[in-house]
Amino acid sequence: PLDYEAYHCEGVCDFPLRSHLEPTNHAIIQTLLNSMAPDAAPASCCVPARLSPISILYIDAANNVVY
């Protein structure tokens, strides 16, 4: 495929965010909001520090399974 969206976030970054995690301003605000009102915003998630390739199976436009 041309692209792949995993839509998966794993690893909770609890309040207070540690400076070595280098949180974004958005993550800081989201974490503060979640700590005060958990129903108002989801907990922030940690993002990967490194990526590695994965293998996937998918079905192409001709209904062929492609590896």
C-alpha atoms as a PDB file:
ATOM      1  CA  PRO A   1       0.000   0.000   0.000  1.00  0.00           C
ATOM      2  CA  LEU A   2       1.011   3.603  -0.432  1.00  0.00           C
ATOM      3  CA  ASP A   3       0.593   4.290   3.268  1.00  0.00           C
ATOM      4  CA  TYR A   4      -0.402   2.641   6.526  1.00  0.00           C
ATOM      5  CA  GLU A   5      -2.226   4.208   9.465  1.00  0.00           C
ATOM      6  CA  ALA A   6      -1.875   2.051  12.574  1.00  0.00           C
ATOM      7  CA  TYR A   7      -4.205   4.155  14.766  1.00  0.00           C
ATOM      8  CA  HIS A   8      -2.525   2.674  17.795  1.00  0.00           C
ATOM      9  CA  CYS A   9      -1.125   4.522  20.745  1.00  0.00           C
ATOM     10  CA  GLU A  10       0.527   2.646  23.562  1.00  0.00           C
ATOM     11  CA  GLY A  11       2.228   3.871  26.681  1.00  0.00           C
ATOM     12  CA  VAL A  12       0.648   6.305  29.093  1.00  0.00           C
ATOM     13  CA  CYS A  13       2.518   9.457  30.037  1.00  0.00           C
ATOM     14  CA  ASP A  14       1.232  10.207  33.516  1.00  0.00           C
ATOM     15  CA  PHE A  15       1.108  13.619  35.149  1.00  0.00           C
ATOM     16  CA  PRO A  16       3.510  15.242  35.761  1.00  0.00           C
ATOM     17  CA  LEU A  17       5.253  14.700  32.438  1.00  0.00           C
ATOM     18  CA  ARG A  18       8.969  14.089  32.846  1.00  0.00           C
ATOM     19  CA  SER A  19      11.246  16.580  31.085  1.00  0.00           C
ATOM     20  CA  HIS A  20      13.384  13.808  29.576  1.00  0.00           C
ATOM     21  CA  LEU A  21      10.305  12.752  27.573  1.00  0.00           C
ATOM     22  CA  GLU A  22      10.418  16.128  25.802  1.00  0.00           C
ATOM     23  CA  PRO A  23       6.625  16.604  25.829  1.00  0.00           C
ATOM     24  CA  THR A  24       4.977  18.964  23.368  1.00  0.00           C
ATOM     25  CA  ASN A  25       2.912  21.907  24.607  1.00  0.00           C
ATOM     26  CA  HIS A  26      -0.188  20.019  23.437  1.00  0.00           C
ATOM     27  CA  ALA A  27       0.765  16.979  25.533  1.00  0.00           C
ATOM     28  CA  ILE A  28       1.359  19.150  28.601  1.00  0.00           C
ATOM     29  CA  ILE A  29      -2.035  20.880  28.297  1.00  0.00           C
ATOM     30  CA  GLN A  30      -3.822  17.602  27.533  1.00  0.00           C
ATOM     31  CA  THR A  31      -2.223  15.907  30.548  1.00  0.00           C
ATOM     32  CA  LEU A  32      -3.135  18.803  32.847  1.00  0.00           C
ATOM     33  CA  LEU A  33      -6.715  18.813  31.569  1.00  0.00           C
ATOM     34  CA  ASN A  34      -6.989  15.036  31.950  1.00  0.00           C
ATOM     35  CA  SER A  35      -5.657  15.182  35.521  1.00  0.00           C
ATOM     36  CA  MET A  36      -8.307  17.779  36.468  1.00  0.00           C
ATOM     37  CA  ALA A  37     -11.227  16.371  34.431  1.00  0.00           C
ATOM     38  CA  PRO A  38     -10.617  12.872  33.012  1.00  0.00           C
ATOM     39  CA  ASP A  39     -13.848  12.958  30.989  1.00  0.00           C
ATOM     40  CA  ALA A  40     -12.825  16.213  29.281  1.00  0.00           C
ATOM     41  CA  ALA A  41      -9.699  14.888  27.549  1.00  0.00           C
ATOM     42  CA  PRO A  42      -8.058  11.508  27.068  1.00  0.00           C
ATOM     43  CA  ALA A  43      -4.726  10.832  28.719  1.00  0.00           C
ATOM     44  CA  SER A  44      -1.762  11.728  26.562  1.00  0.00           C
ATOM     45  CA  CYS A  45       0.183   8.874  25.029  1.00  0.00           C
ATOM     46  CA  CYS A  46       3.885   8.429  24.609  1.00  0.00           C
ATOM     47  CA  VAL A  47       5.160   8.471  21.053  1.00  0.00           C
ATOM     48  CA  PRO A  48       7.924   6.260  19.711  1.00  0.00           C
ATOM     49  CA  ALA A  49      11.528   7.260  20.162  1.00  0.00           C
ATOM     50  CA  ARG A  50      12.492   4.947  17.302  1.00  0.00           C
ATOM     51  CA  LEU A  51      10.647   3.092  14.568  1.00  0.00           C
ATOM     52  CA  SER A  52      11.323  -0.246  12.935  1.00  0.00           C
ATOM     53  CA  PRO A  53       9.787  -1.873   9.859  1.00  0.00           C
ATOM     54  CA  ILE A  54       6.885  -4.309  10.041  1.00  0.00           C
ATOM     55  CA  SER A  55       5.501  -6.826   7.566  1.00  0.00           C
ATOM     56  CA  ILE A  56       1.844  -6.613   6.608  1.00  0.00           C
ATOM     57  CA  LEU A  57      -0.644  -8.546   4.513  1.00  0.00           C
ATOM     58  CA  TYR A  58      -3.202  -6.583   2.543  1.00  0.00           C
ATOM     59  CA  ILE A  59      -5.767  -7.114  -0.194  1.00  0.00           C
ATOM     60  CA  ASP A  60      -5.147  -5.127  -3.367  1.00  0.00           C
ATOM     61  CA  ALA A  61      -7.730  -3.719  -5.790  1.00  0.00           C
ATOM     62  CA  ALA A  62      -7.905  -7.080  -7.631  1.00  0.00           C
ATOM     63  CA  ASN A  63      -8.646  -8.962  -4.355  1.00  0.00           C
ATOM     64  CA  ASN A  64      -5.161 -10.506  -4.262  1.00  0.00           C
ATOM     65  CA  VAL A  65      -3.510 -11.057  -0.899  1.00  0.00           C
ATOM     66  CA  VAL A  66      -0.190  -9.243  -1.026  1.00  0.00           C
ATOM     67  CA  TYR A  67       2.724  -9.730   1.370  1.00  0.00           C
END
